[in-house]
Amino acid sequence: MGLLAVTYSATTADGQRVQWRDGKRLAWLLSVVYPLVPLVGVALHALTGKPAMLAAPLVIGYGLMPLLDALIGEDRNNPPEAVVPQLEADTYYRWLTWLSVPLYFLTLLVCAWWAGTQALPWWAFAILAYAAGANSGMGLTTGHELGHKHNAFEQWLARLILAVPAYGHFTVEHGRGHHRWVSTPEDHASARMGESIYRFALRELPGGMRRAWALESQRLMSLGFSPWNRRNTMLQSYAVSAVLQLGLIAAFGPAMIVFLAIHNAVAWWQLTSANYVEHYGLLRARQANGEYEPPQPRHSWNTNHLVTNLALFHLQRHSDHHANPSRRYQSLRHFPDLPQLPSGYFGVFTMAYFPRWWFRVMDARLLALPHVQGDLARVNIDPRARSRLEARYAPQRLGVR
């Protein structure tokens, strides 16, 4: 279908005719433009000769994007369910995710070339590596979207984009691990109340790799293959990472080792930041049979801030995603009375980096949720913080929030 406005028509079960047009159709191009943001810094440095211009992408990400979220606000519109099959069949939306994959490769290559060929002060070199890494971390959003799709082409694209920051285990870990155990104490990718992002990272990063390897090994052994087989999807992605990053080191010298170390670490940190804010403190209840209840929209923090949702393929409508993992990004819905973050991800990431600020804002929001109502027994609590939180939020001191 075309780039501009398209009207979808369908008949509901009760015979009513429904027509709907995606008012964001053209605006979704932001998700394809955003991977190129680090090149703004490179271009400004080339034009002005001022190394500080390399920080422009960070100003855009940590300054402009939260400001636009605050000024433009939220979008709570949902497509009617009757037209969702047509909306999901529209290949325009798929092309956007597909096109973003080579753009993340291109951006890393240009940034690495600039870092390897220009006489940059050490701090400008580090800023450029950080900006490139933050961008590749956002690319994991595309890998997240593609990795949930049940066709070989999009699965391969997911492995390719995960190769940019050498995070090839993510699709296995996220789809078969995190989605099963989300918002439970057993899930290392679900942050606990009272757990800072820094403590969370020490649990989440190694835990994800271990669980992904165990899951992929089990899959291959059930088929009669060794885990060290070419069919191992993690190894396929890591092989692309090795070719890409060793090629950059060969092309631009040992300085690329430092550049890529910063780039990879920052990209991983971006994904950790997303995992931290998406399920903080939320807990799925145990059922009578001892199993956890199925994931519901209330088990994820949601945000409808328009600008960052356009840049991140609706990742922030995370509640519907966990309830319906295979639903494509353009169809994800807002639900009333969901756990709501105070800003888009670009803003709340910064908040999370300052734990006292984060706890002050988010603990109150968590306890005020309709399904929590101040009851710490309904919260996923960090065991190391339990006594402190119980003393602070004892039932008799909660009052009405």
Protein backbone atom coordinates (compact mmCIF):
# COMPACT_ATOMS: atom_id res chain seq x y z
CA MET A 1 0.00 0.00 0.00
CA GLY A 2 1.03 3.61 -0.43
CA LEU A 3 3.08 5.92 1.74
CA LEU A 4 0.34 8.46 2.35
CA ALA A 5 -3.05 8.03 3.99
CA VAL A 6 -4.76 4.68 3.60
CA THR A 7 -8.29 3.96 4.79
CA TYR A 8 -9.01 0.50 6.15
CA SER A 9 -12.59 -0.77 6.02
CA ALA A 10 -14.16 -3.79 7.71
CA THR A 11 -17.45 -5.11 9.02
CA THR A 12 -17.75 -5.95 12.73
CA ALA A 13 -19.36 -9.10 14.10
CA ASP A 14 -22.61 -7.20 14.68
CA GLY A 15 -22.73 -6.01 11.06
CA GLN A 16 -21.49 -2.44 11.54
CA ARG A 17 -19.19 -0.96 8.91
CA VAL A 18 -15.94 0.45 10.32
CA GLN A 19 -13.47 2.74 8.57
CA TRP A 20 -10.15 3.83 10.08
CA ARG A 21 -7.11 5.77 8.94
CA ASP A 22 -3.73 5.73 10.68
CA GLY A 23 -3.01 9.39 11.37
CA LYS A 24 0.61 8.47 12.18
CA ARG A 25 1.28 6.67 8.93
CA LEU A 26 3.76 9.20 7.53
CA ALA A 27 5.13 10.03 10.98
CA TRP A 28 6.31 6.42 11.40
CA LEU A 29 9.18 7.40 9.09
CA LEU A 30 10.83 8.83 12.21
CA SER A 31 11.70 5.26 13.15
CA VAL A 32 13.75 5.03 9.95
CA VAL A 33 15.30 8.50 10.26
CA TYR A 34 16.31 8.09 13.91
CA PRO A 35 19.08 5.51 13.22
CA LEU A 36 20.91 8.27 11.34
CA VAL A 37 21.03 10.71 14.28
CA PRO A 38 24.73 10.09 15.13
CA LEU A 39 25.59 11.25 11.62
CA VAL A 40 24.30 14.70 12.60
CA GLY A 41 27.21 15.00 15.01
CA VAL A 42 29.69 13.81 12.38
CA ALA A 43 28.30 16.29 9.85
CA LEU A 44 28.42 19.20 12.31
CA HIS A 45 32.00 18.36 13.24
CA ALA A 46 32.95 18.22 9.57
CA LEU A 47 31.31 21.59 8.92
CA THR A 48 32.55 23.47 11.99
CA GLY A 49 35.75 21.67 12.95
CA LYS A 50 34.57 21.72 16.57
CA PRO A 51 34.84 18.29 18.25
CA ALA A 52 32.10 19.23 20.74
CA MET A 53 29.61 18.99 17.87
CA LEU A 54 29.94 15.21 18.10
CA ALA A 55 27.80 15.45 21.23
CA ALA A 56 24.79 16.71 19.21
CA PRO A 57 23.17 13.23 19.06
CA LEU A 58 23.26 13.02 22.86
CA VAL A 59 21.61 16.43 23.13
CA ILE A 60 18.91 15.20 20.75
CA GLY A 61 18.39 11.93 22.62
CA TYR A 62 18.57 13.10 26.23
CA GLY A 63 17.30 16.64 25.73
CA LEU A 64 15.20 17.21 22.62
CA MET A 65 13.29 13.92 22.64
CA PRO A 66 12.03 14.21 26.26
CA LEU A 67 11.16 17.85 25.58
CA LEU A 68 9.12 16.91 22.51
CA ASP A 69 7.39 14.18 24.51
CA ALA A 70 6.44 16.75 27.14
CA LEU A 71 5.27 19.35 24.60
CA ILE A 72 3.40 17.05 22.19
CA GLY A 73 2.12 14.68 24.83
CA GLU A 74 0.45 11.32 24.53
CA ASP A 75 -1.44 9.49 21.82
CA ARG A 76 -4.07 7.09 23.18
CA ASN A 77 -5.76 6.24 19.91
CA ASN A 78 -6.29 2.58 19.05
CA PRO A 79 -7.13 0.98 15.72
CA PRO A 80 -10.53 -0.76 15.73
CA GLU A 81 -10.06 -4.51 16.11
CA ALA A 82 -12.06 -5.14 12.95
CA VAL A 83 -9.37 -3.50 10.78
CA VAL A 84 -6.33 -4.94 12.57
CA PRO A 85 -5.92 -7.87 10.11
CA GLN A 86 -5.70 -5.37 7.23
CA LEU A 87 -3.39 -3.09 9.20
CA GLU A 88 -1.02 -5.94 10.02
CA ALA A 89 -1.06 -7.16 6.41
CA ASP A 90 0.02 -3.71 5.13
CA THR A 91 3.65 -4.23 4.09
CA TYR A 92 4.45 -0.52 4.42
CA TYR A 93 4.92 -1.00 8.17
CA ARG A 94 7.12 -4.04 7.65
CA TRP A 95 9.31 -2.17 5.16
CA LEU A 96 10.05 0.42 7.81
CA THR A 97 11.50 -2.19 10.18
CA TRP A 98 13.36 -3.87 7.33
CA LEU A 99 14.90 -0.60 6.08
CA SER A 100 16.14 0.39 9.51
CA VAL A 101 18.40 -2.68 9.71
CA PRO A 102 21.01 -1.59 7.10
CA LEU A 103 20.84 1.97 8.41
CA TYR A 104 22.16 0.89 11.80
CA PHE A 105 25.06 -0.86 10.06
CA LEU A 106 25.68 2.26 7.96
CA THR A 107 25.70 4.55 10.99
CA LEU A 108 28.20 2.40 12.88
CA LEU A 109 30.47 2.20 9.84
CA VAL A 110 30.45 5.97 9.34
CA CYS A 111 31.06 6.71 13.02
CA ALA A 112 33.90 4.16 13.16
CA TRP A 113 35.43 5.62 9.98
CA TRP A 114 35.28 9.13 11.44
CA ALA A 115 36.76 8.02 14.76
CA GLY A 116 39.50 6.10 12.98
CA THR A 117 40.52 8.77 10.49
CA GLN A 118 40.20 12.08 12.36
CA ALA A 119 42.60 13.52 14.92
CA LEU A 120 40.08 13.69 17.76
CA PRO A 121 40.82 14.56 21.37
CA TRP A 122 40.25 11.57 23.64
CA TRP A 123 37.02 12.98 25.04
CA ALA A 124 35.54 13.60 21.56
CA PHE A 125 36.54 10.08 20.52
CA ALA A 126 34.71 8.75 23.60
CA ILE A 127 31.64 10.89 22.90
CA LEU A 128 31.44 9.63 19.34
CA ALA A 129 31.73 6.02 20.52
CA TYR A 130 29.06 6.67 23.16
CA ALA A 131 26.70 8.27 20.63
CA ALA A 132 27.19 5.37 18.22
CA GLY A 133 26.57 2.87 21.03
CA ALA A 134 23.45 4.61 22.26
CA ASN A 135 22.13 4.51 18.71
CA SER A 136 22.91 0.81 18.28
CA GLY A 137 21.14 0.21 21.58
CA MET A 138 18.06 1.79 20.05
CA GLY A 139 18.54 -0.61 17.15
CA LEU A 140 17.79 -3.44 19.54
CA THR A 141 14.23 -2.08 19.46
CA THR A 142 14.05 -3.11 15.81
CA GLY A 143 15.56 -6.47 16.71
CA HIS A 144 12.88 -6.83 19.38
CA GLU A 145 10.09 -6.18 16.89
CA LEU A 146 11.53 -8.49 14.22
CA GLY A 147 12.48 -11.23 16.65
CA HIS A 148 8.84 -11.76 17.63
CA LYS A 149 7.78 -12.51 14.07
CA HIS A 150 7.31 -16.10 12.97
CA ASN A 151 8.97 -16.09 9.56
CA ALA A 152 12.54 -16.89 8.57
CA PHE A 153 13.24 -13.57 6.84
CA GLU A 154 12.40 -11.34 9.80
CA GLN A 155 14.13 -13.73 12.20
CA TRP A 156 17.28 -13.36 10.13
CA LEU A 157 16.96 -9.59 10.07
CA ALA A 158 16.67 -9.68 13.86
CA ARG A 159 19.93 -11.63 14.13
CA LEU A 160 21.62 -9.17 11.77
CA ILE A 161 20.70 -6.06 13.69
CA LEU A 162 21.59 -7.71 17.01
CA ALA A 163 25.03 -8.31 15.51
CA VAL A 164 25.75 -4.56 15.35
CA PRO A 165 26.38 -4.27 19.12
CA ALA A 166 27.25 -8.00 19.53
CA TYR A 167 24.05 -8.80 21.43
CA GLY A 168 23.14 -11.94 19.52
CA HIS A 169 21.58 -13.79 22.44
CA PHE A 170 18.72 -11.33 22.85
CA THR A 171 16.04 -12.89 20.64
CA VAL A 172 16.42 -16.27 22.33
CA GLU A 173 16.53 -14.82 25.83
CA HIS A 174 13.71 -12.36 25.31
CA GLY A 175 11.24 -14.52 23.44
CA ARG A 176 11.70 -17.82 25.25
CA GLY A 177 12.95 -16.61 28.61
CA HIS A 178 11.78 -13.14 29.56
CA HIS A 179 8.29 -13.50 28.10
CA ARG A 180 7.76 -16.69 30.09
CA TRP A 181 8.96 -15.36 33.43
CA VAL A 182 8.21 -11.64 33.10
CA SER A 183 7.23 -9.82 36.31
CA THR A 184 8.23 -12.67 38.59
CA PRO A 185 11.13 -12.96 41.04
CA GLU A 186 12.61 -15.66 38.78
CA ASP A 187 13.11 -13.24 35.89
CA HIS A 188 16.45 -11.44 35.90
CA ALA A 189 15.09 -9.05 33.21
CA SER A 190 12.29 -7.75 35.49
CA ALA A 191 13.48 -5.10 37.94
CA ARG A 192 12.42 -5.34 41.57
CA MET A 193 11.16 -2.57 43.81
CA GLY A 194 14.07 -1.03 45.70
CA GLU A 195 16.63 -2.35 43.19
CA SER A 196 18.72 0.36 41.52
CA ILE A 197 19.45 0.10 37.82
CA TYR A 198 23.10 -0.55 38.69
CA ARG A 199 22.32 -3.57 40.86
CA PHE A 200 19.81 -4.69 38.25
CA ALA A 201 22.46 -4.61 35.50
CA LEU A 202 24.71 -6.94 37.50
CA ARG A 203 21.87 -9.46 37.60
CA GLU A 204 20.31 -8.89 34.17
CA LEU A 205 23.30 -8.85 31.81
CA PRO A 206 24.99 -12.15 32.79
CA GLY A 207 21.63 -13.76 33.53
CA GLY A 208 20.39 -13.07 30.02
CA MET A 209 23.39 -14.64 28.37
CA ARG A 210 23.31 -17.73 30.58
CA ARG A 211 19.59 -18.28 30.08
CA ALA A 212 19.78 -17.75 26.32
CA TRP A 213 22.59 -20.27 25.97
CA ALA A 214 20.70 -22.82 28.08
CA LEU A 215 17.51 -22.37 26.05
CA GLU A 216 19.22 -22.58 22.67
CA SER A 217 21.28 -25.57 23.80
CA GLN A 218 18.11 -27.37 24.90
CA ARG A 219 16.45 -26.64 21.56
CA LEU A 220 19.37 -27.97 19.54
CA MET A 221 19.93 -31.04 21.70
CA SER A 222 16.24 -31.93 21.39
CA LEU A 223 16.84 -31.99 17.62
CA GLY A 224 19.92 -34.13 18.00
CA PHE A 225 22.53 -31.41 17.48
CA SER A 226 25.38 -30.05 19.56
CA PRO A 227 24.96 -26.50 20.92
CA TRP A 228 28.13 -25.65 18.97
CA ASN A 229 26.31 -26.19 15.70
CA ARG A 230 25.85 -23.76 12.80
CA ARG A 231 22.10 -23.94 13.52
CA ASN A 232 22.66 -22.10 16.80
CA THR A 233 20.96 -18.75 16.18
CA MET A 234 23.07 -17.00 18.81
CA LEU A 235 26.30 -18.13 17.16
CA GLN A 236 24.99 -17.03 13.78
CA SER A 237 24.50 -13.49 15.05
CA TYR A 238 27.82 -13.46 16.92
CA ALA A 239 29.60 -14.62 13.76
CA VAL A 240 28.30 -11.53 11.93
CA SER A 241 29.46 -9.40 14.89
CA ALA A 242 32.93 -10.91 14.66
CA VAL A 243 33.21 -10.20 10.93
CA LEU A 244 31.90 -6.65 11.35
CA GLN A 245 33.93 -5.61 14.36
CA LEU A 246 37.18 -7.41 13.48
CA GLY A 247 36.86 -5.84 10.05
CA LEU A 248 36.66 -2.37 11.60
CA ILE A 249 39.73 -3.08 13.73
CA ALA A 250 41.62 -4.27 10.66
CA ALA A 251 40.54 -1.19 8.69
CA PHE A 252 41.15 1.51 11.29
CA GLY A 253 43.68 0.08 13.69
CA PRO A 254 43.87 -0.71 17.43
CA ALA A 255 41.95 2.45 18.40
CA MET A 256 38.85 0.61 17.19
CA ILE A 257 39.21 -1.83 20.09
CA VAL A 258 38.52 1.02 22.49
CA PHE A 259 35.84 2.52 20.25
CA LEU A 260 33.96 -0.77 19.94
CA ALA A 261 34.31 -1.57 23.63
CA ILE A 262 32.58 1.72 24.48
CA HIS A 263 30.06 1.26 21.67
CA ASN A 264 29.07 -2.25 22.73
CA ALA A 265 28.88 -1.46 26.44
CA VAL A 266 26.67 1.58 25.86
CA ALA A 267 24.39 -0.36 23.49
CA TRP A 268 23.97 -3.11 26.08
CA TRP A 269 23.31 -0.46 28.72
CA GLN A 270 20.50 0.98 26.60
CA LEU A 271 18.78 -2.40 26.49
CA THR A 272 19.30 -2.83 30.23
CA SER A 273 17.74 0.60 30.75
CA ALA A 274 14.66 -0.45 28.80
CA ASN A 275 14.33 -3.72 30.68
CA TYR A 276 14.68 -1.86 33.98
CA VAL A 277 11.84 0.60 33.41
CA GLU A 278 9.44 -1.79 31.68
CA HIS A 279 8.50 -4.03 34.63
CA TYR A 280 9.84 -2.29 37.75
CA GLY A 281 8.23 -3.81 40.85
CA LEU A 282 5.32 -5.43 39.00
CA LEU A 283 4.36 -8.94 40.10
CA ARG A 284 2.25 -11.70 38.60
CA ALA A 285 0.21 -13.51 41.24
CA ARG A 286 0.46 -17.20 42.01
CA GLN A 287 -2.61 -19.25 41.08
CA ALA A 288 -4.09 -22.10 43.13
CA ASN A 289 -2.05 -24.63 41.13
CA GLY A 290 1.19 -22.83 42.00
CA GLU A 291 1.71 -21.45 38.52
CA TYR A 292 1.92 -17.75 37.82
CA GLU A 293 -1.09 -16.10 36.24
CA PRO A 294 -0.72 -15.39 32.50
CA PRO A 295 0.92 -12.05 31.66
CA GLN A 296 -1.65 -9.26 31.59
CA PRO A 297 -1.33 -5.64 30.42
CA ARG A 298 -1.01 -4.58 34.08
CA HIS A 299 2.30 -6.45 34.34
CA SER A 300 4.20 -3.89 32.23
CA TRP A 301 4.75 -0.16 32.55
CA ASN A 302 3.26 1.62 29.59
CA THR A 303 3.65 5.04 28.02
CA ASN A 304 1.83 6.64 25.10
CA HIS A 305 4.20 9.57 24.58
CA LEU A 306 3.96 10.10 20.88
CA VAL A 307 7.43 11.12 19.73
CA THR A 308 9.43 8.37 21.36
CA ASN A 309 6.86 5.77 20.39
CA LEU A 310 7.30 6.83 16.76
CA ALA A 311 11.07 6.51 17.09
CA LEU A 312 10.91 3.13 18.84
CA PHE A 313 8.28 1.20 16.87
CA HIS A 314 5.71 1.49 19.69
CA LEU A 315 8.00 -0.31 22.14
CA GLN A 316 6.55 1.84 24.90
CA ARG A 317 3.11 0.28 24.44
CA HIS A 318 4.73 -2.56 26.27
CA SER A 319 1.64 -3.70 28.13
CA ASP A 320 -0.20 -4.88 25.04
CA HIS A 321 3.03 -6.33 23.67
CA HIS A 322 3.47 -8.69 26.61
CA ALA A 323 -0.17 -9.70 26.54
CA ASN A 324 0.02 -10.27 22.74
CA PRO A 325 3.70 -10.79 21.79
CA SER A 326 3.20 -11.47 18.08
CA ARG A 327 1.04 -8.37 17.51
CA ARG A 328 2.81 -5.96 15.15
CA TYR A 329 3.88 -2.58 16.41
CA GLN A 330 1.36 -0.53 14.42
CA SER A 331 -1.52 -2.46 16.05
CA LEU A 332 -0.44 -2.22 19.70
CA ARG A 333 -3.12 -0.68 21.88
CA HIS A 334 -3.50 1.63 24.83
CA PHE A 335 -5.61 0.38 27.73
CA PRO A 336 -7.04 2.56 30.53
CA ASP A 337 -5.82 2.15 34.12
CA LEU A 338 -2.49 0.61 33.12
CA PRO A 339 0.77 1.27 34.98
CA GLN A 340 1.95 4.49 33.32
CA LEU A 341 5.49 5.88 33.21
CA PRO A 342 5.79 9.64 33.74
CA SER A 343 7.63 10.19 30.44
CA GLY A 344 8.80 8.41 27.34
CA TYR A 345 11.82 6.15 27.57
CA PHE A 346 14.33 8.89 26.75
CA GLY A 347 13.18 10.77 29.83
CA VAL A 348 12.72 7.89 32.27
CA PHE A 349 16.10 6.38 31.38
CA THR A 350 17.72 9.53 32.73
CA MET A 351 15.53 9.34 35.84
CA ALA A 352 16.58 5.73 36.40
CA TYR A 353 20.26 6.71 36.39
CA PHE A 354 19.61 8.66 39.59
CA PRO A 355 18.15 6.01 41.94
CA ARG A 356 16.83 8.36 44.63
CA TRP A 357 14.91 10.32 42.03
CA TRP A 358 13.63 7.11 40.44
CA PHE A 359 12.53 5.57 43.76
CA ARG A 360 10.81 8.77 44.87
CA VAL A 361 8.71 8.94 41.70
CA MET A 362 8.17 5.30 40.81
CA ASP A 363 7.66 3.69 44.21
CA ALA A 364 4.69 5.96 44.83
CA ARG A 365 3.25 5.15 41.38
CA LEU A 366 3.77 1.44 41.94
CA LEU A 367 2.01 1.35 45.31
CA ALA A 368 -0.87 3.47 44.00
CA LEU A 369 -1.74 1.04 41.19
CA PRO A 370 -5.32 -0.30 41.43
CA HIS A 371 -4.16 -3.91 41.62
CA VAL A 372 -1.51 -3.12 44.26
CA GLN A 373 -3.29 -0.62 46.57
CA GLY A 374 -0.29 -0.25 48.82
CA ASP A 375 0.06 -3.97 49.50
CA LEU A 376 3.73 -4.94 49.34
CA ALA A 377 2.71 -8.58 49.01
CA ARG A 378 1.57 -7.68 45.47
CA VAL A 379 4.94 -6.21 44.54
CA ASN A 380 8.13 -7.79 43.20
CA ILE A 381 10.55 -6.60 45.91
CA ASP A 382 14.33 -6.74 46.00
CA PRO A 383 15.09 -9.06 48.96
CA ARG A 384 17.95 -6.77 50.01
CA ALA A 385 15.54 -3.84 50.28
CA ARG A 386 12.58 -5.67 51.81
CA SER A 387 13.10 -4.68 55.45
CA ARG A 388 13.70 -1.05 54.52
CA LEU A 389 10.63 -0.90 52.29
CA GLU A 390 8.41 -2.68 54.80
CA ALA A 391 9.47 -0.21 57.49
CA ARG A 392 8.83 2.75 55.21
CA TYR A 393 5.60 1.60 53.62
CA ALA A 394 4.02 -0.27 56.53
CA PRO A 395 0.22 -0.52 55.98
CA GLN A 396 -0.58 1.77 58.86
CA ARG A 397 1.62 4.49 57.37
CA LEU A 398 0.44 4.21 53.77
CA GLY A 399 -2.69 6.24 54.16
CA VAL A 400 -4.65 7.11 51.03
CA ARG A 401 -2.53 7.81 47.96
